[in-house]
Structures are given as structure tokens and as C-alpha cells.
Protein backbone atom coordinates (compact mmCIF):
# COMPACT_ATOMS: atom_id res chain seq x y z
CA MET A 1 -19.01 -17.43 -9.03
CA SER A 2 -14.95 -17.22 -8.58
CA PRO A 3 -13.69 -14.43 -7.17
CA ALA A 4 -12.01 -11.45 -9.20
CA PRO A 5 -9.12 -11.75 -10.01
CA ALA A 6 -6.11 -9.41 -7.93
CA MET A 7 -4.63 -6.63 -9.09
CA ARG A 8 -0.60 -7.13 -8.93
CA ILE A 9 0.65 -3.57 -7.50
CA THR A 10 4.60 -3.30 -7.67
CA ASP A 11 4.50 0.53 -6.70
CA PHE A 12 1.89 1.79 -3.59
CA ASP A 13 1.71 5.53 -4.71
CA HIS A 14 -0.76 3.37 -7.35
CA LEU A 15 -2.83 1.67 -4.76
CA PRO A 16 -6.65 1.78 -5.70
CA GLU A 17 -9.31 3.08 -3.21
CA ARG A 18 -11.06 -0.69 -2.81
CA GLY A 19 -10.70 -4.10 -4.72
CA ALA A 20 -8.43 -7.09 -4.20
CA ILE A 21 -4.33 -6.48 -4.88
CA GLU A 22 -1.15 -9.02 -4.77
CA ALA A 23 1.67 -7.32 -3.84
CA ARG A 24 5.39 -7.53 -1.72
CA GLY A 25 6.89 -5.05 0.43
CA HIS A 26 9.15 -4.51 3.63
CA VAL A 27 7.61 -4.16 6.95
CA ASP A 28 8.56 -0.38 7.96
CA SER A 29 6.92 -0.82 11.57
CA VAL A 30 5.12 -2.38 13.37
CA MET A 31 2.09 -1.56 16.47
CA ILE A 32 1.32 -3.54 19.16
CA LEU A 33 -1.68 -2.49 21.43
CA PRO A 34 -1.72 -3.30 25.23
CA LYS A 35 -3.27 -5.86 26.53
CA ASN A 36 -6.04 -4.23 27.97
CA GLN A 37 -7.05 -3.67 24.16
CA VAL A 38 -8.81 -5.94 21.63
CA PRO A 39 -5.98 -7.91 19.75
CA GLU A 40 -4.26 -7.00 16.42
CA TYR A 41 -1.00 -6.86 15.05
CA SER A 42 -0.71 -4.17 12.82
CA VAL A 43 2.16 -3.69 10.26
CA MET A 44 3.20 -0.98 7.40
CA VAL A 45 4.77 -2.43 4.78
CA ALA A 46 6.53 -0.08 1.78
CA ALA A 47 7.40 -1.32 -1.36
CA GLN A 48 11.36 -0.57 -1.08
CA PRO A 49 13.09 -1.38 1.96
CA ALA A 50 14.81 2.04 4.51
CA PRO A 51 18.29 2.86 3.57
CA PRO A 52 20.69 2.77 6.10
CA GLY A 53 19.82 5.69 8.10
CA GLY A 54 16.48 6.31 7.48
CA ARG A 55 14.60 7.86 4.49
CA ARG A 56 15.00 11.17 3.87
CA ARG A 57 11.59 11.61 2.62
CA ALA A 58 8.12 9.58 3.38
CA ALA A 59 7.47 6.37 1.37
CA SER A 60 3.91 5.31 -0.04
CA ARG A 61 2.92 2.55 2.39
CA ILE A 62 0.21 -0.30 3.27
CA ARG A 63 -0.77 -1.33 6.44
CA LEU A 64 -1.57 -5.01 6.88
CA ILE A 65 -3.62 -5.78 10.45
CA PHE A 66 -3.96 -9.39 11.51
CA MET A 67 -6.94 -9.04 13.76
CA GLY A 68 -7.62 -10.96 16.58
CA GLN A 69 -3.31 -11.32 16.73
CA ARG A 70 -0.88 -9.82 19.36
CA ARG A 71 1.67 -11.31 17.17
CA VAL A 72 2.86 -12.77 14.00
CA PRO A 73 5.51 -15.28 14.36
CA GLY A 74 8.22 -13.98 11.64
CA ILE A 75 6.58 -10.91 10.84
CA ASP A 76 8.81 -7.73 12.48
CA ALA A 77 10.07 -4.89 11.17
CA GLY A 78 12.56 -5.48 7.95
CA THR A 79 11.09 -8.40 6.91
CA LEU A 80 9.96 -9.22 3.07
CA LEU A 81 6.52 -10.30 2.27
CA ALA A 82 4.36 -11.21 0.24
CA PHE A 83 0.86 -10.26 0.73
CA ARG A 84 -2.73 -10.44 -1.01
CA GLY A 85 -5.90 -9.09 0.27
CA THR A 86 -8.81 -6.84 -0.06
CA VAL A 87 -7.23 -2.89 0.30
CA GLY A 88 -9.55 -0.01 1.26
CA VAL A 89 -8.93 3.34 3.15
CA VAL A 90 -9.21 3.34 6.90
CA ASP A 91 -8.12 7.10 8.72
CA ASN A 92 -6.57 7.90 4.94
CA ILE A 93 -4.31 4.99 5.20
CA PRO A 94 -4.42 1.91 2.58
CA THR A 95 -5.21 -1.16 4.74
CA ILE A 96 -5.70 -4.34 4.62
CA TYR A 97 -7.48 -6.52 6.85
CA ASN A 98 -6.51 -10.14 7.66
CA PRO A 99 -4.38 -10.64 4.20
CA SER A 100 -3.06 -13.80 3.12
CA TYR A 101 1.21 -13.54 3.34
CA GLU A 102 4.46 -15.67 2.44
CA ILE A 103 7.15 -14.76 4.36
CA LEU A 104 10.27 -14.11 1.78
CA PRO A 105 13.79 -14.57 2.19
CA SER A 106 15.45 -11.22 2.13
CA THR A 107 17.86 -10.23 -0.67
CA GLU A 108 20.54 -9.98 1.99
CA ASP A 109 20.05 -13.67 2.77
CA ASN A 110 20.53 -14.62 -0.90
CA GLU A 111 23.74 -13.39 -0.88
């Protein structure tokens, strides 16, 4: 039996509480844990990049967690990602563990 098709998401305000999704967004922030903790690289992704000077109000975001990783090469603040995985709510934050992803060229790179 093949897995259910992923729901394509363009607005993080309308994420399901649970289920397979496919989306794209800009990495807003990165959290790197100390070496004495289990390796985990966590990033917060927003649908739109923050404007110059920062956000004036809160943006809906999703957390991507890469278990067993201290770093994921190429994924830093500002990176544009396409990602896919099963979302669930963890600590009131939509979260995907070990998503499949593709690093996309930013719109600035195309100009």
C-alpha cells in the first residue's frame, strides 16, 4: 500500500495538526544544542522571509528537527527550503522530524 499523498501547504497558518505535508519556506532561526546533549539540529521555517529590519508581528512557522545531526550543511538562517514530512504538534509548535528537503536558490540569486 502506498502512503497517502502529502497535502501541499503554502500558508503556515493552515497547517494540519497531524499528517503528511509538502511545503517551502525560509529558515528564520537555527538552534544548535550543546555538545553534552543528544545531537539535534533544529530550524524554524516561515513561509516568507523576514523583511529588512525584522518582523513587526509574529509569523506562523514550522519547526524542522534533524535528529542525530549537529549541523546540516547548507541549512542556515535565510536558506530557502522545499520540504516534506509528517507534521505533528510538539510543545504547541508544528514540527517535522527528519524531513526530506531540497535547498532552493533564493530569489536574490536569480536576479
